[in-house]
Amino acid sequence: MNTTEKKMLEILKAARDFGVIAVKAEFEAEGTRCDELLRLLEIARRANLKVALKIGGCEAIRDLIEARNFGVEYIIAPMVETPYALTKYVAAKNKIYSSEEQGDMRFLFNIETRTGYENLGEIAVEAQKGGTGFVFGRVDFAGSLGKGREIVNAPETMDCVEKVAQEAKSRDLELVVGGGVNPDSIVPLRRIRKIRLDRFETRKVIFDGACLEGGDAERGMEHAIEFELLWLKNKRDFYKSIAAEDESRIAMMEARQQSSFQPVG
């Protein structure tokens, strides 16, 4: 581990005391490469945290195979908008994971569009059958309404989250809230926690919803922001080093080509 990764590890170890239970990667919007995921896995395991992976679609078989090989604990399917899409996700995860393996994991899907929200009741029926939980993605949901991320904590958005929470509570299904989660989200999320909120997440860090009941969430958020910034810097430096590793060889080959070049004719 390099110096930055060691610092990231220490941040995550400290963050466990403030509600952090997992880190997250995305094959979908974030486009996580396998080498990045391996680095995240090592840091998470050393910090004694779980790992969540958002796959590329409701029937992304290859992503599910990769998730199984890497050994993640949470899998999230994006943008499920209809009951049929959810049945495809359930069938896919049942194809790749045995019932024994699924006992140690959590499978969830994103409600993150107006269409998905409008189909909530029918989707919830299939969720209960398939043993999958909800993730409410507030930024994409706002986008589907033609709005920006500035409304993620607004009452109009949180009213919709509350409806999903009521559905999750009535069917005993997990609920996670993400999308634009920041320190300003803590008070609105406490409202949801009173109904049902198992976890909430930033882009890279997942919190136990129970931390909202005390003062831990604020401190945990500080750790999450610091970790995510270091993650981005470490990723930047990693790919810079790869891009530069053959520079001297390229210069040598170009010089050799120029010295031996013979004009045609």
Protein backbone atom coordinates (compact mmCIF):
# COMPACT_ATOMS: atom_id res chain seq x y z
CA MET A 1 0.00 0.00 0.00
CA ASN A 2 1.23 3.49 -0.79
CA THR A 3 1.15 6.44 1.62
CA THR A 4 -2.23 7.68 0.43
CA GLU A 5 -3.81 4.24 0.73
CA LYS A 6 -2.45 3.85 4.25
CA LYS A 7 -4.04 7.16 5.18
CA MET A 8 -7.32 6.03 3.59
CA LEU A 9 -7.13 2.86 5.67
CA GLU A 10 -6.68 4.80 8.90
CA ILE A 11 -9.63 7.04 8.03
CA LEU A 12 -11.90 4.03 7.47
CA LYS A 13 -10.78 2.38 10.70
CA ALA A 14 -11.66 5.56 12.58
CA ALA A 15 -14.93 5.94 10.65
CA ARG A 16 -16.22 2.60 11.93
CA ASP A 17 -16.84 4.30 15.27
CA PHE A 18 -19.14 6.78 13.55
CA GLY A 19 -21.44 4.46 11.63
CA VAL A 20 -19.43 3.49 8.55
CA ILE A 21 -19.97 -0.18 7.70
CA ALA A 22 -18.98 -0.53 4.02
CA VAL A 23 -17.41 1.06 0.98
CA LYS A 24 -18.92 1.11 -2.49
CA ALA A 25 -17.86 0.77 -6.12
CA GLU A 26 -19.87 1.08 -9.34
CA PHE A 27 -19.53 -0.77 -12.60
CA GLU A 28 -22.39 1.45 -13.76
CA ALA A 29 -22.06 5.27 -13.67
CA GLU A 30 -18.67 5.37 -11.94
CA GLY A 31 -17.17 2.85 -14.36
CA THR A 32 -14.93 1.19 -11.76
CA ARG A 33 -12.15 -0.85 -13.36
CA CYS A 34 -11.16 -4.18 -11.88
CA ASP A 35 -7.77 -2.91 -10.73
CA GLU A 36 -9.47 -0.07 -8.85
CA LEU A 37 -11.89 -2.51 -7.25
CA LEU A 38 -8.99 -4.68 -6.10
CA ARG A 39 -7.40 -1.70 -4.36
CA LEU A 40 -10.71 -0.81 -2.71
CA LEU A 41 -11.23 -4.40 -1.62
CA GLU A 42 -7.83 -4.57 0.06
CA ILE A 43 -8.37 -1.32 1.93
CA ALA A 44 -11.88 -2.37 2.99
CA ARG A 45 -10.80 -5.80 4.20
CA ARG A 46 -7.95 -4.36 6.23
CA ALA A 47 -10.43 -1.91 7.77
CA ASN A 48 -12.85 -4.79 8.49
CA LEU A 49 -15.56 -3.25 6.32
CA LYS A 50 -17.94 -4.76 3.78
CA VAL A 51 -18.02 -3.91 0.08
CA ALA A 52 -20.99 -2.95 -2.10
CA LEU A 53 -21.00 -3.07 -5.88
CA LYS A 54 -23.49 -1.39 -8.20
CA ILE A 55 -23.74 -3.47 -11.35
CA GLY A 56 -24.39 -2.16 -14.85
CA GLY A 57 -28.01 -3.24 -15.26
CA CYS A 58 -30.80 -5.42 -13.92
CA GLU A 59 -29.60 -8.41 -15.98
CA ALA A 60 -25.84 -7.75 -16.02
CA ILE A 61 -24.75 -11.40 -15.76
CA ARG A 62 -21.07 -10.68 -16.36
CA ASP A 63 -21.08 -8.07 -13.58
CA LEU A 64 -22.72 -10.56 -11.21
CA ILE A 65 -20.06 -13.13 -12.04
CA GLU A 66 -17.34 -10.57 -11.32
CA ALA A 67 -19.08 -9.61 -8.06
CA ARG A 68 -19.11 -13.25 -7.00
CA ASN A 69 -15.43 -13.66 -7.88
CA PHE A 70 -14.46 -10.55 -5.92
CA GLY A 71 -16.60 -11.56 -2.95
CA VAL A 72 -18.68 -8.43 -2.30
CA GLU A 73 -21.46 -8.38 0.30
CA TYR A 74 -23.95 -5.95 -1.25
CA ILE A 75 -25.09 -5.87 -4.88
CA ILE A 76 -27.24 -3.07 -6.28
CA ALA A 77 -28.98 -3.06 -9.66
CA PRO A 78 -29.58 0.39 -11.19
CA MET A 79 -32.70 2.07 -12.52
CA VAL A 80 -35.35 -0.63 -12.06
CA GLU A 81 -38.51 0.99 -13.42
CA THR A 82 -40.96 -1.89 -13.84
CA PRO A 83 -41.92 -5.13 -12.09
CA TYR A 84 -40.66 -7.05 -15.12
CA ALA A 85 -37.20 -5.47 -14.87
CA LEU A 86 -37.03 -6.55 -11.25
CA THR A 87 -37.98 -10.14 -12.13
CA LYS A 88 -35.04 -10.14 -14.58
CA TYR A 89 -32.70 -9.01 -11.79
CA VAL A 90 -34.00 -11.64 -9.38
CA ALA A 91 -33.61 -14.37 -12.01
CA ALA A 92 -30.07 -13.19 -12.81
CA LYS A 93 -28.88 -13.17 -9.20
CA ASN A 94 -30.50 -16.57 -8.60
CA LYS A 95 -28.66 -17.93 -11.62
CA ILE A 96 -25.24 -16.80 -10.41
CA TYR A 97 -25.58 -17.17 -6.63
CA SER A 98 -26.75 -20.27 -4.80
CA SER A 99 -29.32 -19.90 -2.04
CA GLU A 100 -26.55 -20.66 0.47
CA GLU A 101 -24.37 -17.86 -0.90
CA GLN A 102 -27.27 -15.42 -0.93
CA GLY A 103 -27.74 -15.98 2.80
CA ASP A 104 -24.56 -14.00 3.44
CA MET A 105 -25.40 -11.14 1.08
CA ARG A 106 -27.87 -8.36 0.41
CA PHE A 107 -29.37 -7.73 -3.02
CA LEU A 108 -30.90 -4.34 -3.69
CA PHE A 109 -32.13 -2.25 -6.61
CA ASN A 110 -32.45 1.44 -7.34
CA ILE A 111 -35.69 3.35 -7.42
CA GLU A 112 -34.29 6.47 -9.08
CA THR A 113 -36.73 7.66 -11.72
CA ARG A 114 -40.24 9.06 -11.89
CA THR A 115 -41.35 5.91 -13.75
CA GLY A 116 -39.96 3.59 -11.11
CA TYR A 117 -41.58 5.61 -8.36
CA GLU A 118 -44.95 5.58 -10.13
CA ASN A 119 -44.71 1.77 -10.36
CA LEU A 120 -43.63 1.43 -6.73
CA GLY A 121 -46.54 -0.71 -5.54
CA GLU A 122 -46.16 -3.37 -8.25
CA ILE A 123 -42.37 -3.31 -7.96
CA ALA A 124 -42.60 -3.80 -4.19
CA VAL A 125 -44.66 -6.96 -4.69
CA GLU A 126 -41.87 -8.45 -6.82
CA ALA A 127 -39.23 -7.20 -4.38
CA GLN A 128 -40.88 -9.10 -1.56
CA LYS A 129 -41.07 -12.26 -3.67
CA GLY A 130 -37.45 -11.97 -4.76
CA GLY A 131 -35.95 -10.93 -1.43
CA THR A 132 -34.51 -7.64 -2.64
CA GLY A 133 -34.37 -4.27 -0.94
CA PHE A 134 -34.74 -0.67 -2.11
CA VAL A 135 -32.11 1.97 -2.75
CA PHE A 136 -33.59 5.41 -3.37
CA GLY A 137 -31.24 7.35 -5.66
CA ARG A 138 -32.18 10.96 -5.09
CA VAL A 139 -29.98 12.71 -7.67
CA ASP A 140 -31.18 10.62 -10.60
CA PHE A 141 -34.71 10.85 -9.29
CA ALA A 142 -34.46 14.63 -9.31
CA GLY A 143 -33.04 14.47 -12.82
CA SER A 144 -35.99 12.39 -14.00
CA LEU A 145 -38.23 15.22 -12.78
CA GLY A 146 -36.23 17.75 -14.78
CA LYS A 147 -34.64 19.14 -11.61
CA GLY A 148 -31.08 19.31 -10.29
CA ARG A 149 -29.35 17.90 -7.22
CA GLU A 150 -30.26 21.03 -5.28
CA ILE A 151 -33.65 19.43 -4.46
CA VAL A 152 -32.34 16.14 -3.02
CA ASN A 153 -32.93 17.27 0.58
CA ALA A 154 -36.07 19.29 -0.22
CA PRO A 155 -39.47 18.24 1.20
CA GLU A 156 -40.77 17.37 -2.28
CA THR A 157 -38.04 14.73 -2.66
CA MET A 158 -38.09 13.49 0.92
CA ASP A 159 -41.87 13.02 0.72
CA CYS A 160 -41.21 10.51 -2.07
CA VAL A 161 -38.49 8.83 -0.03
CA GLU A 162 -40.95 8.58 2.86
CA LYS A 163 -43.45 6.76 0.67
CA VAL A 164 -40.79 4.21 -0.29
CA ALA A 165 -39.88 3.88 3.39
CA GLN A 166 -43.50 3.13 4.25
CA GLU A 167 -43.56 0.46 1.54
CA ALA A 168 -40.31 -1.04 2.81
CA LYS A 169 -41.60 -1.07 6.38
CA SER A 170 -44.89 -2.71 5.46
CA ARG A 171 -43.13 -5.50 3.56
CA ASP A 172 -40.09 -5.79 5.88
CA LEU A 173 -37.67 -4.91 3.09
CA GLU A 174 -34.42 -3.03 3.46
CA LEU A 175 -34.19 0.63 2.47
CA VAL A 176 -31.01 2.51 1.63
CA VAL A 177 -30.95 6.17 0.62
CA GLY A 178 -28.23 7.65 -1.59
CA GLY A 179 -27.71 10.41 -4.10
CA GLY A 180 -26.22 13.71 -3.00
CA VAL A 181 -25.84 12.61 0.62
CA ASN A 182 -23.90 15.28 2.51
CA PRO A 183 -24.00 16.90 5.97
CA ASP A 184 -27.19 18.76 4.98
CA SER A 185 -28.88 15.38 4.45
CA ILE A 186 -28.64 14.29 8.07
CA VAL A 187 -31.80 15.99 9.35
CA PRO A 188 -34.00 14.87 6.40
CA LEU A 189 -32.65 11.33 6.74
CA ARG A 190 -33.51 11.25 10.45
CA ARG A 191 -37.13 11.76 9.41
CA ILE A 192 -36.92 8.65 7.20
CA ARG A 193 -35.14 6.65 9.89
CA LYS A 194 -38.23 7.00 12.11
CA ILE A 195 -40.12 4.94 9.50
CA ARG A 196 -37.43 2.67 8.08
CA LEU A 197 -33.89 3.38 6.94
CA ASP A 198 -31.34 0.60 7.18
CA ARG A 199 -28.42 2.40 5.56
CA PHE A 200 -27.50 5.56 3.70
CA GLU A 201 -24.61 6.13 1.33
CA THR A 202 -22.36 8.67 -0.31
CA ARG A 203 -20.65 7.79 -3.61
CA LYS A 204 -18.01 5.65 -1.84
CA VAL A 205 -19.08 5.14 1.79
CA ILE A 206 -22.06 3.36 3.36
CA PHE A 207 -23.40 4.15 6.84
CA ASP A 208 -25.55 2.18 9.26
CA GLY A 209 -28.82 4.07 9.61
CA ALA A 210 -28.58 3.72 13.38
CA CYS A 211 -25.86 6.39 13.50
CA LEU A 212 -28.56 8.97 12.74
CA GLU A 213 -30.02 8.46 16.18
CA GLY A 214 -27.07 10.16 17.89
CA GLY A 215 -24.30 12.55 16.95
CA ASP A 216 -22.19 10.05 15.04
CA ALA A 217 -23.48 10.83 11.56
CA GLU A 218 -21.90 14.29 11.44
CA ARG A 219 -18.46 12.96 12.41
CA GLY A 220 -18.84 10.01 10.07
CA MET A 221 -19.63 12.33 7.18
CA GLU A 222 -16.39 14.21 7.77
CA HIS A 223 -14.46 10.95 7.50
CA ALA A 224 -16.37 9.97 4.35
CA ILE A 225 -15.57 13.25 2.60
CA GLU A 226 -11.87 12.93 3.46
CA PHE A 227 -11.78 9.31 2.31
CA GLU A 228 -13.47 10.07 -1.02
CA LEU A 229 -11.13 12.95 -1.76
CA LEU A 230 -8.09 10.77 -1.11
CA TRP A 231 -9.62 8.00 -3.22
CA LEU A 232 -9.92 10.33 -6.21
CA LYS A 233 -6.39 11.65 -5.76
CA ASN A 234 -4.99 8.14 -5.45
CA LYS A 235 -6.87 7.06 -8.58
CA ARG A 236 -5.53 10.08 -10.48
CA ASP A 237 -1.95 9.39 -9.40
CA PHE A 238 -2.26 5.68 -10.21
CA TYR A 239 -3.30 6.25 -13.80
CA LYS A 240 -0.77 9.06 -14.23
CA SER A 241 1.99 6.62 -13.31
CA ILE A 242 0.69 4.07 -15.81
CA ALA A 243 0.46 6.70 -18.55
CA ALA A 244 4.05 7.80 -17.89
CA GLU A 245 5.71 4.43 -17.38
CA ASP A 246 6.75 4.03 -21.05
CA GLU A 247 7.71 7.63 -21.76
CA SER A 248 11.47 6.95 -21.79
CA ARG A 249 11.00 3.90 -24.01
CA ILE A 250 8.85 5.91 -26.43
CA ALA A 251 11.49 8.67 -26.61
CA MET A 252 14.22 6.13 -27.32
CA MET A 253 12.20 4.41 -30.05
CA GLU A 254 11.31 7.74 -31.69
CA ALA A 255 14.99 8.79 -31.72
CA ARG A 256 16.00 5.46 -33.19
CA GLN A 257 13.34 5.74 -35.89
CA GLN A 258 14.41 9.25 -36.84
CA SER A 259 18.12 8.38 -37.04
CA SER A 260 17.51 5.35 -39.28
CA PHE A 261 14.75 6.80 -41.45
CA GLN A 262 15.53 6.78 -45.18
CA PRO A 263 13.34 8.95 -47.43
CA VAL A 264 11.59 6.97 -50.18
CA GLY A 265 12.94 7.77 -53.74
